[in-house]
Protein backbone atom coordinates (compact mmCIF):
# COMPACT_ATOMS: atom_id res chain seq x y z
CA MET A 1 -37.36 25.63 -77.11
CA ARG A 2 -37.50 22.56 -74.90
CA ILE A 3 -36.60 22.38 -71.19
CA THR A 4 -37.08 19.16 -69.28
CA ILE A 5 -37.35 18.99 -65.50
CA THR A 6 -37.69 15.43 -64.24
CA LEU A 7 -39.27 14.98 -60.83
CA LEU A 8 -38.88 11.47 -59.43
CA LEU A 9 -41.85 10.68 -57.21
CA ALA A 10 -41.61 8.15 -54.38
CA ILE A 11 -45.19 6.91 -54.17
CA ILE A 12 -46.72 6.36 -50.72
CA LEU A 13 -49.19 3.48 -50.40
CA GLY A 14 -52.77 4.48 -49.76
CA THR A 15 -52.22 8.25 -49.76
CA ALA A 16 -55.56 9.75 -50.71
CA MET A 17 -55.46 12.61 -53.20
CA GLY A 18 -57.55 14.89 -51.03
CA SER A 19 -55.38 14.52 -47.96
CA ALA A 20 -52.16 14.93 -49.94
CA ILE A 21 -53.36 18.14 -51.54
CA ALA A 22 -54.67 19.44 -48.22
CA ALA A 23 -51.31 18.76 -46.60
CA TRP A 24 -49.56 20.47 -49.48
CA THR A 25 -51.72 23.58 -49.11
CA ALA A 26 -50.21 24.09 -45.65
CA PHE A 27 -46.67 23.58 -46.96
CA ARG A 28 -45.34 27.12 -47.65
CA TYR A 29 -42.15 28.68 -48.93
CA PRO A 30 -40.98 31.62 -46.81
CA GLU A 31 -39.25 33.09 -49.85
CA HIS A 32 -42.39 32.76 -52.00
CA GLU A 33 -45.23 34.01 -49.78
CA THR A 34 -48.41 35.28 -51.38
CA VAL A 35 -47.57 38.41 -53.36
CA THR A 36 -49.67 41.50 -52.62
CA GLN A 37 -51.22 43.56 -55.39
CA GLU A 38 -49.00 46.48 -54.39
CA ALA A 39 -45.88 44.32 -54.73
CA ILE A 40 -47.01 43.13 -58.16
CA ALA A 41 -47.62 46.71 -59.30
CA ASP A 42 -44.18 47.74 -58.07
CA ALA A 43 -42.55 44.79 -59.84
CA VAL A 44 -44.13 45.32 -63.27
CA ALA A 45 -44.56 49.08 -63.40
CA GLY A 46 -43.13 50.30 -66.68
CA LYS A 47 -41.05 47.15 -67.15
CA PRO A 48 -41.40 44.01 -69.29
CA TYR A 49 -41.97 40.92 -67.17
CA PRO A 50 -42.42 37.15 -67.73
CA ALA A 51 -45.86 35.55 -67.48
CA VAL A 52 -46.26 31.79 -67.07
CA GLU A 53 -49.19 29.90 -68.56
CA VAL A 54 -49.66 26.16 -68.07
CA GLY A 55 -52.13 24.18 -70.17
CA GLU A 56 -52.85 21.70 -67.36
CA THR A 57 -51.54 21.29 -63.84
CA GLU A 58 -53.16 17.97 -62.94
CA TYR A 59 -52.89 14.54 -64.55
CA ASP A 60 -54.80 11.35 -63.81
CA PHE A 61 -52.69 8.46 -65.09
CA GLY A 62 -55.40 5.93 -64.23
CA SER A 63 -54.15 2.45 -63.34
CA MET A 64 -50.63 1.11 -63.72
CA ASP A 65 -48.57 -1.79 -62.41
CA SER A 66 -46.75 -0.86 -59.22
CA ASN A 67 -43.47 -2.25 -60.56
CA ALA A 68 -43.58 0.04 -63.58
CA THR A 69 -42.48 3.65 -64.13
CA ASP A 70 -44.50 6.27 -66.02
CA SER A 71 -44.23 9.96 -66.84
CA HIS A 72 -46.21 12.92 -68.14
CA GLU A 73 -45.22 16.22 -69.74
CA PHE A 74 -46.68 19.51 -68.51
CA ILE A 75 -46.27 22.33 -71.04
CA PHE A 76 -45.20 25.74 -69.72
CA ARG A 77 -45.57 28.81 -71.99
CA ASN A 78 -44.10 32.25 -71.52
CA VAL A 79 -46.79 34.74 -72.57
CA GLY A 80 -44.93 37.68 -71.07
CA ASP A 81 -42.32 40.12 -72.38
CA ALA A 82 -39.22 38.95 -70.49
CA PRO A 83 -37.43 35.58 -70.10
CA LEU A 84 -39.20 33.12 -67.77
CA THR A 85 -37.06 30.97 -65.47
CA LEU A 86 -38.14 27.66 -63.92
CA GLU A 87 -36.64 25.61 -61.14
CA ALA A 88 -37.80 22.71 -58.99
CA GLY A 89 -39.10 23.68 -55.58
CA LYS A 90 -39.94 21.62 -52.53
CA THR A 91 -42.24 18.68 -53.18
CA THR A 92 -44.07 15.92 -51.32
CA CYS A 93 -41.46 13.56 -52.78
CA LYS A 94 -37.80 13.32 -53.70
CA CYS A 95 -36.94 15.18 -56.89
CA THR A 96 -33.94 15.76 -59.15
CA LEU A 97 -33.35 17.91 -62.22
CA SER A 98 -32.07 16.77 -65.59
CA ASP A 99 -31.51 18.46 -68.96
CA ILE A 100 -32.62 21.78 -67.52
CA GLY A 101 -29.98 23.93 -69.20
CA ASP A 102 -30.28 27.44 -67.77
CA GLY A 103 -33.99 26.85 -67.02
CA THR A 104 -35.08 29.76 -69.21
CA ILE A 105 -38.06 30.10 -71.57
CA LEU A 106 -37.95 33.13 -73.86
CA PRO A 107 -41.07 35.23 -74.55
CA GLY A 108 -43.47 33.42 -76.89
CA GLU A 109 -41.78 30.04 -76.41
CA SER A 110 -42.67 26.87 -74.46
CA GLY A 111 -40.88 24.31 -72.31
CA ALA A 112 -41.83 20.85 -71.10
CA VAL A 113 -41.71 19.83 -67.44
CA THR A 114 -41.73 16.04 -67.14
CA VAL A 115 -43.04 14.43 -63.98
CA GLU A 116 -41.95 10.81 -63.53
CA TRP A 117 -43.25 8.41 -60.90
CA SER A 118 -42.74 4.82 -59.80
CA GLY A 119 -44.87 2.64 -57.56
CA LYS A 120 -42.00 0.92 -55.74
CA SER A 121 -44.05 -2.32 -55.43
CA LEU A 122 -46.87 -0.53 -53.59
CA VAL A 123 -50.59 -0.95 -54.17
CA GLY A 124 -53.47 1.52 -53.88
CA SER A 125 -54.54 5.05 -54.83
CA TYR A 126 -52.33 8.05 -54.23
CA ALA A 127 -51.71 11.69 -55.13
CA GLN A 128 -48.44 13.57 -55.25
CA VAL A 129 -47.52 17.21 -55.82
CA ALA A 130 -44.40 18.68 -57.39
CA THR A 131 -43.86 22.45 -57.24
CA ILE A 132 -42.11 24.55 -59.89
CA LEU A 133 -40.76 27.98 -58.89
CA THR A 134 -40.92 30.79 -61.44
CA ASN A 135 -39.84 34.43 -61.72
CA ASP A 136 -43.33 35.49 -62.86
CA PRO A 137 -44.21 38.25 -60.34
CA LYS A 138 -47.87 37.27 -60.56
CA LYS A 139 -47.36 33.52 -60.20
CA ARG A 140 -44.31 32.55 -58.17
CA THR A 141 -45.20 28.86 -57.87
CA VAL A 142 -46.96 26.27 -60.02
CA ASP A 143 -48.16 23.05 -58.38
CA LEU A 144 -48.19 19.97 -60.64
CA ARG A 145 -50.35 17.09 -59.39
CA VAL A 146 -50.40 13.45 -60.47
CA HIS A 147 -52.78 10.85 -59.11
CA GLY A 148 -54.08 7.41 -59.93
CA THR A 149 -54.08 3.82 -58.74
CA MET A 150 -51.23 1.34 -58.44
CA THR A 151 -52.01 -2.31 -59.12
CA ALA A 152 -49.84 -5.41 -58.86
CA LYS A 153 -49.84 -9.08 -59.75
CA THR A 154 -48.45 -10.01 -56.35
CA ARG A 155 -47.05 -8.38 -53.25
CA MET A 156 -45.03 -9.89 -50.43
CA VAL A 157 -45.24 -8.56 -46.86
CA PRO A 158 -42.55 -8.19 -45.62
CA GLU A 159 -40.28 -8.18 -48.68
CA THR A 160 -37.40 -9.51 -46.54
CA LEU A 161 -37.95 -11.71 -43.49
CA VAL A 162 -35.62 -10.59 -40.71
CA PHE A 163 -34.89 -12.54 -37.52
CA SER A 164 -33.01 -9.82 -35.63
CA SER A 165 -31.90 -11.99 -32.71
CA VAL A 166 -32.08 -15.78 -32.62
CA ALA A 167 -30.93 -17.48 -29.43
CA ALA A 168 -28.59 -20.35 -30.24
CA GLY A 169 -30.23 -23.73 -29.81
CA ARG A 170 -33.76 -22.27 -30.06
CA THR A 171 -36.41 -22.63 -32.76
CA VAL A 172 -38.01 -19.42 -34.09
CA GLN A 173 -40.82 -18.91 -36.58
CA ALA A 174 -42.26 -16.02 -38.61
CA ASP A 175 -44.65 -15.56 -41.53
CA VAL A 176 -44.59 -13.88 -44.90
CA ARG A 177 -47.92 -12.89 -46.45
CA LEU A 178 -48.14 -13.25 -50.22
CA TYR A 179 -51.09 -11.46 -51.87
CA GLY A 180 -52.51 -11.73 -55.38
CA TYR A 181 -54.39 -8.81 -56.97
CA ARG A 182 -55.56 -10.14 -60.32
CA ASP A 183 -58.79 -11.93 -61.23
CA GLU A 184 -56.93 -15.13 -62.05
CA PRO A 185 -56.09 -17.08 -58.88
CA LEU A 186 -52.55 -17.02 -57.49
CA GLU A 187 -51.44 -20.61 -56.97
CA LEU A 188 -48.21 -21.66 -55.25
CA THR A 189 -46.99 -24.91 -56.76
CA GLY A 190 -43.89 -25.58 -54.66
CA TYR A 191 -40.79 -24.17 -53.05
CA GLU A 192 -37.05 -24.70 -52.68
CA VAL A 193 -34.79 -23.76 -49.75
CA ASP A 194 -31.03 -23.31 -50.02
CA ASP A 195 -30.55 -24.70 -46.48
CA PRO A 196 -33.25 -27.29 -45.75
CA GLU A 197 -31.31 -28.55 -42.73
CA HIS A 198 -31.89 -25.31 -40.84
CA VAL A 199 -34.83 -23.66 -42.65
CA GLU A 200 -38.30 -25.20 -42.79
CA VAL A 201 -41.18 -23.84 -44.88
CA SER A 202 -44.95 -24.28 -44.70
CA ILE A 203 -47.53 -22.83 -47.11
CA THR A 204 -51.21 -22.35 -46.25
CA PRO A 205 -53.98 -20.33 -47.94
CA MET A 206 -55.29 -17.27 -46.13
CA THR A 207 -58.87 -17.11 -44.97
CA SER A 208 -61.27 -14.78 -46.76
CA ASP A 209 -61.24 -12.46 -43.75
CA GLU A 210 -57.44 -12.21 -43.90
CA VAL A 211 -57.53 -11.43 -47.63
CA GLU A 212 -60.21 -8.75 -47.13
CA GLY A 213 -57.83 -6.98 -44.78
CA GLU A 214 -55.55 -6.19 -47.74
CA GLU A 215 -57.14 -3.62 -50.04
CA TYR A 216 -57.48 -4.72 -53.67
CA ALA A 217 -56.24 -8.28 -52.93
CA THR A 218 -58.20 -11.17 -54.44
CA CYS A 219 -56.35 -14.03 -52.72
CA GLY A 220 -53.46 -14.67 -50.38
CA TRP A 221 -51.08 -17.25 -48.96
CA ARG A 222 -49.22 -17.43 -45.68
CA VAL A 223 -45.63 -18.71 -45.97
CA GLY A 224 -44.37 -19.88 -42.60
CA VAL A 225 -40.58 -19.90 -42.11
CA THR A 226 -39.00 -21.79 -39.22
CA ILE A 227 -35.34 -21.43 -38.27
CA LYS A 228 -34.21 -24.65 -36.61
CA PRO A 229 -31.32 -25.08 -34.14
CA GLY A 230 -27.83 -25.69 -35.49
CA LEU A 231 -26.89 -22.48 -37.29
CA PRO A 232 -23.50 -21.16 -36.17
CA PRO A 233 -23.31 -17.93 -34.15
CA GLY A 234 -23.34 -14.70 -36.10
CA PRO A 235 -25.25 -13.33 -39.07
CA PHE A 236 -26.93 -15.59 -41.61
CA GLN A 237 -28.63 -15.13 -44.98
CA ARG A 238 -30.84 -17.71 -46.66
CA LYS A 239 -33.18 -17.67 -49.66
CA ILE A 240 -36.52 -19.36 -50.33
CA ARG A 241 -37.74 -19.77 -53.90
CA ILE A 242 -41.53 -19.97 -54.30
CA LYS A 243 -42.97 -21.37 -57.55
CA THR A 244 -46.22 -19.77 -58.78
CA THR A 245 -48.73 -19.92 -61.65
CA VAL A 246 -48.50 -16.18 -62.40
CA ASP A 247 -47.43 -15.33 -65.96
CA GLY A 248 -44.18 -13.41 -65.92
CA MET A 249 -43.62 -14.21 -62.23
CA ARG A 250 -43.21 -17.98 -62.16
CA GLU A 251 -40.75 -17.67 -59.26
CA LEU A 252 -40.74 -15.40 -56.22
CA PHE A 253 -37.79 -15.13 -53.84
CA ILE A 254 -38.05 -14.58 -50.10
CA PRO A 255 -34.78 -13.33 -48.58
CA VAL A 256 -34.28 -14.48 -44.98
CA ASP A 257 -31.77 -12.57 -42.83
CA GLY A 258 -30.89 -12.84 -39.17
CA THR A 259 -28.32 -13.23 -36.43
CA VAL A 260 -27.73 -16.17 -34.11
CA ASN A 261 -26.66 -15.10 -30.63
CA SER A 262 -24.90 -17.46 -28.25
CA GLU A 263 -22.59 -17.41 -25.27
CA ILE A 264 -19.71 -17.32 -27.78
CA SER A 265 -18.53 -14.04 -29.30
CA VAL A 266 -15.54 -13.16 -31.48
CA PHE A 267 -13.28 -10.08 -31.26
CA GLY A 268 -10.16 -8.96 -33.09
CA SER A 269 -8.56 -6.81 -35.76
CA GLY A 270 -10.10 -7.30 -39.21
CA TRP A 271 -13.14 -9.10 -37.79
CA SER A 272 -16.67 -8.00 -38.76
CA SER A 273 -19.26 -9.33 -36.33
CA LYS A 274 -22.02 -8.12 -38.66
CA SER A 275 -20.93 -10.29 -41.59
CA GLY A 276 -18.94 -12.96 -39.75
CA VAL A 277 -15.93 -12.26 -41.98
CA LEU A 278 -12.23 -11.90 -41.10
CA ARG A 279 -10.63 -9.55 -43.64
CA PHE A 280 -6.96 -9.78 -44.64
CA GLY A 281 -7.15 -7.47 -47.69
CA THR A 282 -4.78 -7.71 -50.66
CA LEU A 283 -1.63 -9.74 -50.01
CA GLY A 284 1.64 -10.37 -51.76
CA LYS A 285 4.05 -13.21 -51.10
CA ASP A 286 4.70 -12.27 -47.47
CA LYS A 287 3.08 -13.96 -44.50
CA ALA A 288 -0.11 -12.41 -43.07
CA SER A 289 -1.78 -13.30 -39.80
CA ARG A 290 -4.72 -12.22 -37.64
CA ARG A 291 -5.32 -12.91 -33.96
CA LEU A 292 -8.88 -13.29 -32.71
CA LEU A 293 -10.31 -13.84 -29.25
CA LEU A 294 -13.07 -16.40 -28.72
CA ARG A 295 -14.97 -15.13 -25.68
CA VAL A 296 -17.27 -17.58 -23.90
CA GLY A 297 -19.82 -16.57 -21.27
CA GLY A 298 -22.72 -18.49 -19.79
CA ALA A 299 -22.95 -20.77 -16.77
CA GLN A 300 -19.72 -22.77 -17.18
CA PRO A 301 -17.53 -21.04 -19.76
CA GLU A 302 -14.42 -22.95 -18.68
CA ASN A 303 -15.99 -26.20 -19.94
CA VAL A 304 -16.49 -25.00 -23.53
CA GLN A 305 -13.86 -26.49 -25.84
CA PHE A 306 -12.87 -25.58 -29.43
CA GLU A 307 -11.38 -27.89 -32.05
CA VAL A 308 -10.35 -27.13 -35.65
CA ALA A 309 -12.64 -29.19 -37.90
CA GLU A 310 -12.04 -27.79 -41.40
CA VAL A 311 -9.83 -25.19 -43.11
CA TYR A 312 -10.21 -23.76 -46.64
CA PRO A 313 -8.02 -23.20 -48.54
CA GLU A 314 -5.85 -25.96 -47.16
CA TYR A 315 -2.67 -23.89 -46.88
CA VAL A 316 -4.20 -21.59 -44.23
CA LYS A 317 -2.69 -22.31 -40.80
CA VAL A 318 -4.77 -22.20 -37.61
CA ARG A 319 -3.44 -22.26 -34.05
CA LEU A 320 -5.70 -22.42 -31.00
CA GLN A 321 -3.91 -21.07 -27.93
CA GLU A 322 -4.35 -21.66 -24.23
CA LYS A 323 -7.62 -20.62 -22.67
CA THR A 324 -7.54 -17.94 -19.97
CA SER A 325 -10.10 -16.44 -17.59
CA PRO A 326 -9.57 -12.81 -16.55
CA PRO A 327 -9.55 -12.35 -12.76
CA GLY A 328 -12.98 -11.68 -11.32
CA SER A 329 -14.80 -12.42 -14.57
CA ARG A 330 -17.25 -15.15 -15.52
CA VAL A 331 -15.88 -15.60 -19.01
CA ALA A 332 -13.20 -17.69 -20.67
CA VAL A 333 -11.10 -16.40 -23.56
CA THR A 334 -9.37 -18.58 -26.13
CA PRO A 335 -7.00 -16.82 -28.56
CA ILE A 336 -6.85 -18.17 -32.11
CA GLU A 337 -4.24 -17.21 -34.70
CA ILE A 338 -5.08 -17.56 -38.40
CA GLU A 339 -2.14 -17.28 -40.80
CA ILE A 340 -1.79 -17.15 -44.56
CA PRO A 341 1.77 -18.44 -45.00
CA GLU A 342 4.54 -16.82 -46.97
CA GLY A 343 4.59 -17.96 -50.60
CA SER A 344 0.91 -18.99 -50.70
CA PRO A 345 -0.40 -19.38 -54.29
CA PRO A 346 -2.34 -16.55 -55.97
CA GLY A 347 -6.08 -16.67 -55.39
CA ASN A 348 -9.16 -14.51 -55.03
CA PHE A 349 -11.29 -15.18 -51.96
CA ARG A 350 -13.14 -11.86 -51.96
CA ASP A 351 -16.32 -13.21 -53.54
CA PRO A 352 -18.84 -14.11 -50.80
CA ARG A 353 -19.67 -17.25 -52.80
CA ARG A 354 -16.15 -18.59 -52.31
CA TYR A 355 -14.77 -17.07 -49.13
CA GLY A 356 -12.14 -19.08 -47.33
CA HIS A 357 -13.17 -20.36 -43.92
CA VAL A 358 -12.10 -21.91 -40.64
CA ARG A 359 -14.72 -24.20 -39.09
CA LEU A 360 -14.42 -24.96 -35.39
CA LYS A 361 -16.20 -27.73 -33.51
CA VAL A 362 -17.61 -26.53 -30.20
CA SER A 363 -18.37 -28.77 -27.22
CA ASN A 364 -20.50 -28.10 -24.13
CA ALA A 365 -22.23 -25.08 -25.69
CA THR A 366 -25.57 -24.23 -27.27
CA VAL A 367 -23.92 -24.34 -30.72
CA SER A 368 -21.99 -27.23 -32.18
CA GLU A 369 -19.75 -25.29 -34.55
CA LEU A 370 -18.36 -21.84 -35.26
CA ASP A 371 -17.58 -20.69 -38.80
CA ILE A 372 -15.02 -17.92 -39.43
CA LYS A 373 -15.14 -16.69 -43.04
CA LEU A 374 -11.88 -15.46 -44.59
CA GLU A 375 -11.74 -12.65 -47.16
CA PHE A 376 -8.44 -12.03 -48.98
CA LEU A 377 -6.74 -11.69 -52.34
CA ILE A 378 -3.25 -13.02 -53.08
CA GLU A 379 -1.81 -11.30 -56.11
CA GLY A 380 0.14 -13.29 -58.68
């Protein structure tokens, strides 16, 4: 008989086996406290009972690439006289069950418990514990331990470069550290940026002291990323492609995310400030319109002017309305109406790669333009 319990282990970088096991020793189950000899005698007196026997409870998988996934089978035998049941207990990791059936091993039979782990792009030694609960009155829990070392060709820290708040009109800079872990040197042979007008890149080798600070690393590079003035207000996403000499990893991608803040903010139904998208949804042949408010703060908000510079698709209508300033406030508000006219041709503008948009020129502000993305689908 074969029973498979798969335990998916989320590996933690640098977790020493000794400390993990020590921590696990203190991790108890109230419903499975140590069973006294008297309780065992009461449970088995004159009755058949299951008895679990495990050939091994610890596995050293050695060294593996941190981007890979591996697994190992632990064999459970029922050497008792009654059916043995198994179930996954609490672990030092996330776990799920698969192909478990009723989780029962009959007397004299065996079942396999499979422990599966993945490095999640981490590097270093670690140990993890997965606990199996049983109905054996003499052995309520079985701890399965896996340990070893994760290696990698390269690792990028951080994996995504985030500029959480960029003041409009300002220049900001941050670094990404790129480490190599193999004997062959990691060489960076070039790079490409999808927005060279606003994103600048510099690449310099790390010093030996900097490399020594990363365990197991043999070399390293510092990729400097500068966000230059000119991006419109709101969220932005850019991508940097780094070319390398590493076999199987000739290109590495650095995602760059952030938000440009300015004295201009947008409000209205259907508007997402997080993505900078105005959503219309699915439309038929009828007219659809949205009204947004362009709110301007700062020192002289009344002097900031908006002008429609570009509209896509061309049939979208845009109307800027008269600016107002609420009594007692230091802001100016300009309503803008964006309309998809009745009878507009079918089209799908739900793909972020081909959103519609309204681009506004802005004068007397820290930004020169404001881009409103349009998401909609016109059915045929």
